[in-house]
Amino acid sequence: GLYLYEIGTRDAGLASAGWAARADDAGTLATNPAGLARLTQ
């Protein structure tokens, strides 16, 4: 088995760059759960 960065979010279009820091949509709960706190909607 292996880990995949392609999980059905926009991160695939970045080749995973910014994985744990972009934190601008709900997909951040998988890439960095702390990012949820900066969402406003």
PDB file of all heavy atoms in Angstrom:
ATOM      1  N   GLY A   1       0.835  -1.180   0.000  1.00  0.00           N
ATOM      2  CA  GLY A   1       0.000   0.000   0.000  1.00  0.00           C
ATOM      3  C   GLY A   1       0.870   1.229   0.000  1.00  0.00           C
ATOM      4  O   GLY A   1       2.071   1.155   0.214  1.00  0.00           O
ATOM      5  N   LEU A   2       0.299   2.398  -0.219  1.00  0.00           N
ATOM      6  CA  LEU A   2       1.043   3.634  -0.179  1.00  0.00           C
ATOM      7  C   LEU A   2       0.092   4.784   0.077  1.00  0.00           C
ATOM      8  O   LEU A   2      -1.094   4.711  -0.197  1.00  0.00           O
ATOM      9  CB  LEU A   2       1.804   3.854  -1.482  1.00  0.00           C
ATOM     10  CG  LEU A   2       1.027   4.212  -2.741  1.00  0.00           C
ATOM     11  CD1 LEU A   2       1.960   4.804  -3.782  1.00  0.00           C
ATOM     12  CD2 LEU A   2       0.358   2.985  -3.332  1.00  0.00           C
ATOM     13  N   TYR A   3       0.654   5.842   0.653  1.00  0.00           N
ATOM     14  CA  TYR A   3      -0.118   7.058   0.844  1.00  0.00           C
ATOM     15  C   TYR A   3      -0.293   7.783  -0.485  1.00  0.00           C
ATOM     16  O   TYR A   3       0.617   7.836  -1.305  1.00  0.00           O
ATOM     17  CB  TYR A   3       0.586   7.992   1.813  1.00  0.00           C
ATOM     18  CG  TYR A   3       0.423   7.656   3.266  1.00  0.00           C
ATOM     19  CD1 TYR A   3       1.508   7.665   4.135  1.00  0.00           C
ATOM     20  CD2 TYR A   3      -0.827   7.347   3.791  1.00  0.00           C
ATOM     21  CE1 TYR A   3       1.362   7.371   5.470  1.00  0.00           C
ATOM     22  CE2 TYR A   3      -0.991   7.038   5.120  1.00  0.00           C
ATOM     23  CZ  TYR A   3       0.119   7.063   5.964  1.00  0.00           C
ATOM     24  OH  TYR A   3      -0.040   6.769   7.294  1.00  0.00           O
ATOM     25  N   LEU A   4      -1.455   8.393  -0.667  1.00  0.00           N
ATOM     26  CA  LEU A   4      -1.735   9.206  -1.833  1.00  0.00           C
ATOM     27  C   LEU A   4      -2.061  10.625  -1.385  1.00  0.00           C
ATOM     28  O   LEU A   4      -2.699  10.828  -0.347  1.00  0.00           O
ATOM     29  CB  LEU A   4      -2.920   8.640  -2.617  1.00  0.00           C
ATOM     30  CG  LEU A   4      -2.720   7.287  -3.297  1.00  0.00           C
ATOM     31  CD1 LEU A   4      -4.048   6.769  -3.821  1.00  0.00           C
ATOM     32  CD2 LEU A   4      -1.717   7.406  -4.430  1.00  0.00           C
ATOM     33  N   TYR A   5      -1.630  11.603  -2.159  1.00  0.00           N
ATOM     34  CA  TYR A   5      -1.984  12.993  -1.911  1.00  0.00           C
ATOM     35  C   TYR A   5      -3.255  13.380  -2.666  1.00  0.00           C
ATOM     36  O   TYR A   5      -3.802  14.456  -2.440  1.00  0.00           O
ATOM     37  CB  TYR A   5      -0.842  13.915  -2.340  1.00  0.00           C
ATOM     38  CG  TYR A   5       0.456  13.672  -1.607  1.00  0.00           C
ATOM     39  CD1 TYR A   5       1.431  12.832  -2.136  1.00  0.00           C
ATOM     40  CD2 TYR A   5       0.719  14.281  -0.384  1.00  0.00           C
ATOM     41  CE1 TYR A   5       2.627  12.609  -1.478  1.00  0.00           C
ATOM     42  CE2 TYR A   5       1.911  14.068   0.295  1.00  0.00           C
ATOM     43  CZ  TYR A   5       2.862  13.232  -0.260  1.00  0.00           C
ATOM     44  OH  TYR A   5       4.050  12.999   0.404  1.00  0.00           O
ATOM     45  N   GLU A   6      -3.702  12.511  -3.555  1.00  0.00           N
ATOM     46  CA  GLU A   6      -4.890  12.777  -4.367  1.00  0.00           C
ATOM     47  C   GLU A   6      -6.121  12.226  -3.641  1.00  0.00           C
ATOM     48  O   GLU A   6      -6.398  11.030  -3.695  1.00  0.00           O
ATOM     49  CB  GLU A   6      -4.732  12.138  -5.745  1.00  0.00           C
ATOM     50  CG  GLU A   6      -3.614  12.742  -6.575  1.00  0.00           C
ATOM     51  CD  GLU A   6      -2.216  12.310  -6.150  1.00  0.00           C
ATOM     52  OE1 GLU A   6      -2.078  11.189  -5.623  1.00  0.00           O
ATOM     53  OE2 GLU A   6      -1.260  13.092  -6.327  1.00  0.00           O
ATOM     54  N   ILE A   7      -6.856  13.100  -2.945  1.00  0.00           N
ATOM     55  CA  ILE A   7      -7.970  12.658  -2.092  1.00  0.00           C
ATOM     56  C   ILE A   7      -9.292  13.319  -2.467  1.00  0.00           C
ATOM     57  O   ILE A   7     -10.234  13.330  -1.673  1.00  0.00           O
ATOM     58  CB  ILE A   7      -7.653  12.915  -0.603  1.00  0.00           C
ATOM     59  CG1 ILE A   7      -7.379  14.401  -0.358  1.00  0.00           C
ATOM     60  CG2 ILE A   7      -6.482  12.054  -0.145  1.00  0.00           C
ATOM     61  CD1 ILE A   7      -7.234  14.763   1.116  1.00  0.00           C
ATOM     62  N   GLY A   8      -9.375  13.876  -3.680  1.00  0.00           N
ATOM     63  CA  GLY A   8     -10.620  14.502  -4.105  1.00  0.00           C
ATOM     64  C   GLY A   8     -10.723  15.965  -3.727  1.00  0.00           C
ATOM     65  O   GLY A   8     -11.831  16.488  -3.567  1.00  0.00           O
ATOM     66  N   THR A   9      -9.579  16.656  -3.594  1.00  0.00           N
ATOM     67  CA  THR A   9      -9.556  18.092  -3.310  1.00  0.00           C
ATOM     68  C   THR A   9      -8.702  18.802  -4.363  1.00  0.00           C
ATOM     69  O   THR A   9      -8.075  18.177  -5.207  1.00  0.00           O
ATOM     70  CB  THR A   9      -8.972  18.377  -1.913  1.00  0.00           C
ATOM     71  OG1 THR A   9      -7.595  17.952  -1.889  1.00  0.00           O
ATOM     72  CG2 THR A   9      -9.754  17.628  -0.838  1.00  0.00           C
ATOM     73  N   ARG A  10      -8.634  20.133  -4.261  1.00  0.00           N
ATOM     74  CA  ARG A  10      -7.836  20.919  -5.208  1.00  0.00           C
ATOM     75  C   ARG A  10      -6.335  20.701  -5.044  1.00  0.00           C
ATOM     76  O   ARG A  10      -5.547  21.114  -5.891  1.00  0.00           O
ATOM     77  CB  ARG A  10      -8.145  22.410  -5.042  1.00  0.00           C
ATOM     78  CG  ARG A  10      -9.498  22.831  -5.551  1.00  0.00           C
ATOM     79  CD  ARG A  10      -9.572  24.334  -5.808  1.00  0.00           C
ATOM     80  NE  ARG A  10      -9.128  25.130  -4.682  1.00  0.00           N
ATOM     81  CZ  ARG A  10      -7.993  25.839  -4.670  1.00  0.00           C
ATOM     82  NH1 ARG A  10      -7.176  25.816  -5.713  1.00  0.00           N
ATOM     83  NH2 ARG A  10      -7.667  26.554  -3.614  1.00  0.00           N
ATOM     84  N   ASP A  11      -5.911  20.068  -3.944  1.00  0.00           N
ATOM     85  CA  ASP A  11      -4.484  19.863  -3.702  1.00  0.00           C
ATOM     86  C   ASP A  11      -3.807  19.099  -4.833  1.00  0.00           C
ATOM     87  O   ASP A  11      -2.607  19.262  -5.065  1.00  0.00           O
ATOM     88  CB  ASP A  11      -4.285  19.113  -2.381  1.00  0.00           C
ATOM     89  CG  ASP A  11      -4.804  19.904  -1.192  1.00  0.00           C
ATOM     90  OD1 ASP A  11      -4.067  20.774  -0.705  1.00  0.00           O
ATOM     91  OD2 ASP A  11      -5.949  19.659  -0.775  1.00  0.00           O
ATOM     92  N   ALA A  12      -4.561  18.239  -5.540  1.00  0.00           N
ATOM     93  CA  ALA A  12      -3.970  17.482  -6.647  1.00  0.00           C
ATOM     94  C   ALA A  12      -3.438  18.411  -7.737  1.00  0.00           C
ATOM     95  O   ALA A  12      -2.441  18.111  -8.389  1.00  0.00           O
ATOM     96  CB  ALA A  12      -5.000  16.520  -7.236  1.00  0.00           C
ATOM     97  N   GLY A  13      -4.089  19.553  -7.944  1.00  0.00           N
ATOM     98  CA  GLY A  13      -3.635  20.510  -8.948  1.00  0.00           C
ATOM     99  C   GLY A  13      -2.397  21.279  -8.547  1.00  0.00           C
ATOM    100  O   GLY A  13      -1.834  22.028  -9.345  1.00  0.00           O
ATOM    101  N   LEU A  14      -1.955  21.081  -7.293  1.00  0.00           N
ATOM    102  CA  LEU A  14      -0.730  21.696  -6.793  1.00  0.00           C
ATOM    103  C   LEU A  14       0.359  20.668  -6.545  1.00  0.00           C
ATOM    104  O   LEU A  14       1.411  20.990  -5.987  1.00  0.00           O
ATOM    105  CB  LEU A  14      -1.025  22.441  -5.486  1.00  0.00           C
ATOM    106  CG  LEU A  14      -1.856  23.710  -5.615  1.00  0.00           C
ATOM    107  CD1 LEU A  14      -2.548  24.037  -4.289  1.00  0.00           C
ATOM    108  CD2 LEU A  14      -0.985  24.870  -6.062  1.00  0.00           C
ATOM    109  N   ALA A  15       0.119  19.409  -6.925  1.00  0.00           N
ATOM    110  CA  ALA A  15       1.026  18.301  -6.621  1.00  0.00           C
ATOM    111  C   ALA A  15       1.292  18.221  -5.124  1.00  0.00           C
ATOM    112  O   ALA A  15       2.368  17.828  -4.704  1.00  0.00           O
ATOM    113  CB  ALA A  15       2.333  18.428  -7.397  1.00  0.00           C
ATOM    114  N   SER A  16       0.310  18.644  -4.322  1.00  0.00           N
ATOM    115  CA  SER A  16       0.315  18.619  -2.857  1.00  0.00           C
ATOM    116  C   SER A  16       1.044  19.799  -2.225  1.00  0.00           C
ATOM    117  O   SER A  16       1.080  19.914  -0.998  1.00  0.00           O
ATOM    118  CB  SER A  16       0.910  17.318  -2.293  1.00  0.00           C
ATOM    119  OG  SER A  16       2.323  17.320  -2.352  1.00  0.00           O
ATOM    120  N   ALA A  17       1.651  20.699  -2.996  1.00  0.00           N
ATOM    121  CA  ALA A  17       2.363  21.841  -2.424  1.00  0.00           C
ATOM    122  C   ALA A  17       1.423  22.685  -1.560  1.00  0.00           C
ATOM    123  O   ALA A  17       0.281  22.933  -1.933  1.00  0.00           O
ATOM    124  CB  ALA A  17       2.971  22.689  -3.536  1.00  0.00           C
ATOM    125  N   GLY A  18       1.893  23.106  -0.405  1.00  0.00           N
ATOM    126  CA  GLY A  18       1.064  23.854   0.531  1.00  0.00           C
ATOM    127  C   GLY A  18       0.103  22.988   1.314  1.00  0.00           C
ATOM    128  O   GLY A  18      -0.814  23.483   1.966  1.00  0.00           O
ATOM    129  N   TRP A  19       0.326  21.678   1.288  1.00  0.00           N
ATOM    130  CA  TRP A  19      -0.564  20.668   1.880  1.00  0.00           C
ATOM    131  C   TRP A  19      -1.089  21.067   3.258  1.00  0.00           C
ATOM    132  O   TRP A  19      -2.298  21.043   3.517  1.00  0.00           O
ATOM    133  CB  TRP A  19       0.193  19.352   1.946  1.00  0.00           C
ATOM    134  CG  TRP A  19      -0.504  18.169   2.526  1.00  0.00           C
ATOM    135  CD1 TRP A  19      -0.403  17.714   3.815  1.00  0.00           C
ATOM    136  CD2 TRP A  19      -1.392  17.260   1.855  1.00  0.00           C
ATOM    137  NE1 TRP A  19      -1.153  16.570   3.983  1.00  0.00           N
ATOM    138  CE2 TRP A  19      -1.764  16.275   2.789  1.00  0.00           C
ATOM    139  CE3 TRP A  19      -1.881  17.175   0.556  1.00  0.00           C
ATOM    140  CZ2 TRP A  19      -2.622  15.221   2.475  1.00  0.00           C
ATOM    141  CZ3 TRP A  19      -2.733  16.126   0.234  1.00  0.00           C
ATOM    142  CH2 TRP A  19      -3.092  15.171   1.177  1.00  0.00           C
ATOM    143  N   ALA A  20      -0.203  21.416   4.181  1.00  0.00           N
ATOM    144  CA  ALA A  20      -0.604  21.673   5.563  1.00  0.00           C
ATOM    145  C   ALA A  20      -0.736  23.156   5.888  1.00  0.00           C
ATOM    146  O   ALA A  20      -1.038  23.508   7.033  1.00  0.00           O
ATOM    147  CB  ALA A  20       0.406  21.035   6.526  1.00  0.00           C
ATOM    148  N   ALA A  21      -0.526  24.043   4.891  1.00  0.00           N
ATOM    149  CA  ALA A  21      -0.540  25.475   5.163  1.00  0.00           C
ATOM    150  C   ALA A  21      -1.592  26.242   4.371  1.00  0.00           C
ATOM    151  O   ALA A  21      -1.981  27.337   4.783  1.00  0.00           O
ATOM    152  CB  ALA A  21       0.839  26.074   4.891  1.00  0.00           C
ATOM    153  N   ARG A  22      -2.049  25.707   3.232  1.00  0.00           N
ATOM    154  CA  ARG A  22      -3.004  26.450   2.403  1.00  0.00           C
ATOM    155  C   ARG A  22      -4.292  26.708   3.167  1.00  0.00           C
ATOM    156  O   ARG A  22      -4.775  27.844   3.227  1.00  0.00           O
ATOM    157  CB  ARG A  22      -3.281  25.677   1.108  1.00  0.00           C
ATOM    158  CG  ARG A  22      -3.944  26.484   0.024  1.00  0.00           C
ATOM    159  CD  ARG A  22      -3.948  25.728  -1.292  1.00  0.00           C
ATOM    160  NE  ARG A  22      -4.574  24.426  -1.185  1.00  0.00           N
ATOM    161  CZ  ARG A  22      -5.892  24.224  -1.228  1.00  0.00           C
ATOM    162  NH1 ARG A  22      -6.711  25.255  -1.378  1.00  0.00           N
ATOM    163  NH2 ARG A  22      -6.387  23.004  -1.140  1.00  0.00           N
ATOM    164  N   ALA A  23      -4.904  25.683   3.713  1.00  0.00           N
ATOM    165  CA  ALA A  23      -6.001  25.814   4.689  1.00  0.00           C
ATOM    166  C   ALA A  23      -7.066  26.825   4.286  1.00  0.00           C
ATOM    167  O   ALA A  23      -7.461  27.679   5.092  1.00  0.00           O
ATOM    168  CB  ALA A  23      -5.419  26.186   6.064  1.00  0.00           C
ATOM    169  N   ASP A  24      -7.563  26.738   3.044  1.00  0.00           N
ATOM    170  CA  ASP A  24      -8.585  27.700   2.628  1.00  0.00           C
ATOM    171  C   ASP A  24      -9.890  27.043   2.208  1.00  0.00           C
ATOM    172  O   ASP A  24     -10.751  27.695   1.620  1.00  0.00           O
ATOM    173  CB  ASP A  24      -8.042  28.594   1.501  1.00  0.00           C
ATOM    174  CG  ASP A  24      -7.829  27.847   0.191  1.00  0.00           C
ATOM    175  OD1 ASP A  24      -7.914  26.601   0.194  1.00  0.00           O
ATOM    176  OD2 ASP A  24      -7.568  28.514  -0.831  1.00  0.00           O
ATOM    177  N   ASP A  25     -10.061  25.732   2.496  1.00  0.00           N
ATOM    178  CA  ASP A  25     -11.336  25.084   2.233  1.00  0.00           C
ATOM    179  C   ASP A  25     -11.511  23.912   3.198  1.00  0.00           C
ATOM    180  O   ASP A  25     -10.623  23.614   4.010  1.00  0.00           O
ATOM    181  CB  ASP A  25     -11.450  24.624   0.773  1.00  0.00           C
ATOM    182  CG  ASP A  25     -10.362  23.651   0.356  1.00  0.00           C
ATOM    183  OD1 ASP A  25     -10.002  22.773   1.168  1.00  0.00           O
ATOM    184  OD2 ASP A  25      -9.874  23.754  -0.792  1.00  0.00           O
ATOM    185  N   ALA A  26     -12.656  23.241   3.119  1.00  0.00           N
ATOM    186  CA  ALA A  26     -12.978  22.179   4.074  1.00  0.00           C
ATOM    187  C   ALA A  26     -12.045  20.984   3.987  1.00  0.00           C
ATOM    188  O   ALA A  26     -11.915  20.210   4.947  1.00  0.00           O
ATOM    189  CB  ALA A  26     -14.425  21.718   3.860  1.00  0.00           C
ATOM    190  N   GLY A  27     -11.336  20.816   2.849  1.00  0.00           N
ATOM    191  CA  GLY A  27     -10.399  19.717   2.713  1.00  0.00           C
ATOM    192  C   GLY A  27      -9.233  19.791   3.677  1.00  0.00           C
ATOM    193  O   GLY A  27      -8.524  18.802   3.870  1.00  0.00           O
ATOM    194  N   THR A  28      -9.043  20.957   4.312  1.00  0.00           N
ATOM    195  CA  THR A  28      -7.951  21.097   5.270  1.00  0.00           C
ATOM    196  C   THR A  28      -8.104  20.158   6.461  1.00  0.00           C
ATOM    197  O   THR A  28      -7.120  19.861   7.138  1.00  0.00           O
ATOM    198  CB  THR A  28      -7.841  22.558   5.765  1.00  0.00           C
ATOM    199  OG1 THR A  28      -6.650  22.691   6.550  1.00  0.00           O
ATOM    200  CG2 THR A  28      -9.034  22.934   6.616  1.00  0.00           C
ATOM    201  N   LEU A  29      -9.301  19.652   6.723  1.00  0.00           N
ATOM    202  CA  LEU A  29      -9.456  18.735   7.859  1.00  0.00           C
ATOM    203  C   LEU A  29      -8.638  17.469   7.661  1.00  0.00           C
ATOM    204  O   LEU A  29      -8.216  16.830   8.632  1.00  0.00           O
ATOM    205  CB  LEU A  29     -10.923  18.415   8.120  1.00  0.00           C
ATOM    206  CG  LEU A  29     -11.718  17.564   7.122  1.00  0.00           C
ATOM    207  CD1 LEU A  29     -11.576  16.070   7.391  1.00  0.00           C
ATOM    208  CD2 LEU A  29     -13.197  17.949   7.193  1.00  0.00           C
ATOM    209  N   ALA A  30      -8.359  17.091   6.398  1.00  0.00           N
ATOM    210  CA  ALA A  30      -7.527  15.920   6.126  1.00  0.00           C
ATOM    211  C   ALA A  30      -6.053  16.275   6.062  1.00  0.00           C
ATOM    212  O   ALA A  30      -5.198  15.462   6.418  1.00  0.00           O
ATOM    213  CB  ALA A  30      -7.953  15.263   4.816  1.00  0.00           C
ATOM    214  N   THR A  31      -5.715  17.483   5.589  1.00  0.00           N
ATOM    215  CA  THR A  31      -4.321  17.859   5.379  1.00  0.00           C
ATOM    216  C   THR A  31      -3.708  18.585   6.563  1.00  0.00           C
ATOM    217  O   THR A  31      -2.503  18.495   6.787  1.00  0.00           O
ATOM    218  CB  THR A  31      -4.192  18.735   4.129  1.00  0.00           C
ATOM    219  OG1 THR A  31      -4.958  19.940   4.316  1.00  0.00           O
ATOM    220  CG2 THR A  31      -4.729  17.999   2.900  1.00  0.00           C
ATOM    221  N   ASN A  32      -4.509  19.321   7.314  1.00  0.00           N
ATOM    222  CA  ASN A  32      -4.099  19.961   8.569  1.00  0.00           C
ATOM    223  C   ASN A  32      -5.352  20.376   9.324  1.00  0.00           C
ATOM    224  O   ASN A  32      -5.958  21.403   9.005  1.00  0.00           O
ATOM    225  CB  ASN A  32      -3.212  21.172   8.315  1.00  0.00           C
ATOM    226  CG  ASN A  32      -2.724  21.808   9.621  1.00  0.00           C
ATOM    227  OD1 ASN A  32      -3.164  21.447  10.709  1.00  0.00           O
ATOM    228  ND2 ASN A  32      -1.809  22.756   9.507  1.00  0.00           N
ATOM    229  N   PRO A  33      -5.781  19.595  10.313  1.00  0.00           N
ATOM    230  CA  PRO A  33      -7.034  19.896  11.014  1.00  0.00           C
ATOM    231  C   PRO A  33      -7.071  21.288  11.639  1.00  0.00           C
ATOM    232  O   PRO A  33      -8.156  21.852  11.828  1.00  0.00           O
ATOM    233  CB  PRO A  33      -7.088  18.807  12.099  1.00  0.00           C
ATOM    234  CG  PRO A  33      -6.296  17.673  11.545  1.00  0.00           C
ATOM    235  CD  PRO A  33      -5.182  18.319  10.763  1.00  0.00           C
ATOM    236  N   ALA A  34      -5.909  21.869  11.946  1.00  0.00           N
ATOM    237  CA  ALA A  34      -5.890  23.202  12.546  1.00  0.00           C
ATOM    238  C   ALA A  34      -6.447  24.260  11.607  1.00  0.00           C
ATOM    239  O   ALA A  34      -6.930  25.306  12.049  1.00  0.00           O
ATOM    240  CB  ALA A  34      -4.459  23.568  12.952  1.00  0.00           C
ATOM    241  N   GLY A  35      -6.404  24.005  10.305  1.00  0.00           N
ATOM    242  CA  GLY A  35      -6.863  24.982   9.331  1.00  0.00           C
ATOM    243  C   GLY A  35      -8.351  25.253   9.372  1.00  0.00           C
ATOM    244  O   GLY A  35      -8.810  26.290   8.871  1.00  0.00           O
ATOM    245  N   LEU A  36      -9.135  24.342   9.959  1.00  0.00           N
ATOM    246  CA  LEU A  36     -10.582  24.569  10.030  1.00  0.00           C
ATOM    247  C   LEU A  36     -10.922  25.858  10.777  1.00  0.00           C
ATOM    248  O   LEU A  36     -11.906  26.538  10.453  1.00  0.00           O
ATOM    249  CB  LEU A  36     -11.256  23.393  10.748  1.00  0.00           C
ATOM    250  CG  LEU A  36     -11.437  22.087   9.975  1.00  0.00           C
ATOM    251  CD1 LEU A  36     -12.137  21.064  10.853  1.00  0.00           C
ATOM    252  CD2 LEU A  36     -12.220  22.303   8.692  1.00  0.00           C
ATOM    253  N   ALA A  37     -10.119  26.219  11.778  1.00  0.00           N
ATOM    254  CA  ALA A  37     -10.438  27.367  12.628  1.00  0.00           C
ATOM    255  C   ALA A  37     -10.357  28.697  11.879  1.00  0.00           C
ATOM    256  O   ALA A  37     -10.892  29.699  12.357  1.00  0.00           O
ATOM    257  CB  ALA A  37      -9.512  27.394  13.838  1.00  0.00           C
ATOM    258  N   ARG A  38      -9.717  28.739  10.720  1.00  0.00           N
ATOM    259  CA  ARG A  38      -9.627  29.998   9.986  1.00  0.00           C
ATOM    260  C   ARG A  38     -10.731  30.139   8.935  1.00  0.00           C
ATOM    261  O   ARG A  38     -10.817  31.172   8.266  1.00  0.00           O
ATOM    262  CB  ARG A  38      -8.239  30.159   9.359  1.00  0.00           C
ATOM    263  CG  ARG A  38      -7.901  29.206   8.242  1.00  0.00           C
ATOM    264  CD  ARG A  38      -6.502  29.523   7.683  1.00  0.00           C
ATOM    265  NE  ARG A  38      -6.397  30.905   7.278  1.00  0.00           N
ATOM    266  CZ  ARG A  38      -6.760  31.380   6.096  1.00  0.00           C
ATOM    267  NH1 ARG A  38      -7.292  30.562   5.183  1.00  0.00           N
ATOM    268  NH2 ARG A  38      -6.628  32.654   5.812  1.00  0.00           N
ATOM    269  N   LEU A  39     -11.599  29.129   8.781  1.00  0.00           N
ATOM    270  CA  LEU A  39     -12.712  29.238   7.846  1.00  0.00           C
ATOM    271  C   LEU A  39     -13.825  30.074   8.466  1.00  0.00           C
ATOM    272  O   LEU A  39     -14.111  29.964   9.661  1.00  0.00           O
ATOM    273  CB  LEU A  39     -13.238  27.849   7.477  1.00  0.00           C
ATOM    274  CG  LEU A  39     -12.217  26.871   6.873  1.00  0.00           C
ATOM    275  CD1 LEU A  39     -12.901  25.566   6.485  1.00  0.00           C
ATOM    276  CD2 LEU A  39     -11.505  27.488   5.674  1.00  0.00           C
ATOM    277  N   THR A  40     -14.478  30.882   7.646  1.00  0.00           N
ATOM    278  CA  THR A  40     -15.497  31.806   8.154  1.00  0.00           C
ATOM    279  C   THR A  40     -16.916  31.415   7.758  1.00  0.00           C
ATOM    280  O   THR A  40     -17.874  32.006   8.250  1.00  0.00           O
ATOM    281  CB  THR A  40     -15.225  33.232   7.644  1.00  0.00           C
ATOM    282  OG1 THR A  40     -15.215  33.230   6.209  1.00  0.00           O
ATOM    283  CG2 THR A  40     -13.878  33.727   8.154  1.00  0.00           C
ATOM    284  N   GLN A  41     -17.063  30.435   6.865  1.00  0.00           N
ATOM    285  CA  GLN A  41     -18.383  29.999   6.418  1.00  0.00           C
ATOM    286  C   GLN A  41     -18.469  28.484   6.414  1.00  0.00           C
ATOM    287  O   GLN A  41     -17.454  27.801   6.213  1.00  0.00           O
ATOM    288  CB  GLN A  41     -18.655  30.480   4.980  1.00  0.00           C
ATOM    289  CG  GLN A  41     -18.780  31.966   4.795  1.00  0.00           C
ATOM    290  CD  GLN A  41     -18.955  32.297   3.320  1.00  0.00           C
ATOM    291  OE1 GLN A  41     -17.983  32.538   2.609  1.00  0.00           O
ATOM    292  NE2 GLN A  41     -20.193  32.308   2.853  1.00  0.00           N
TER     293      GLN A  41
END
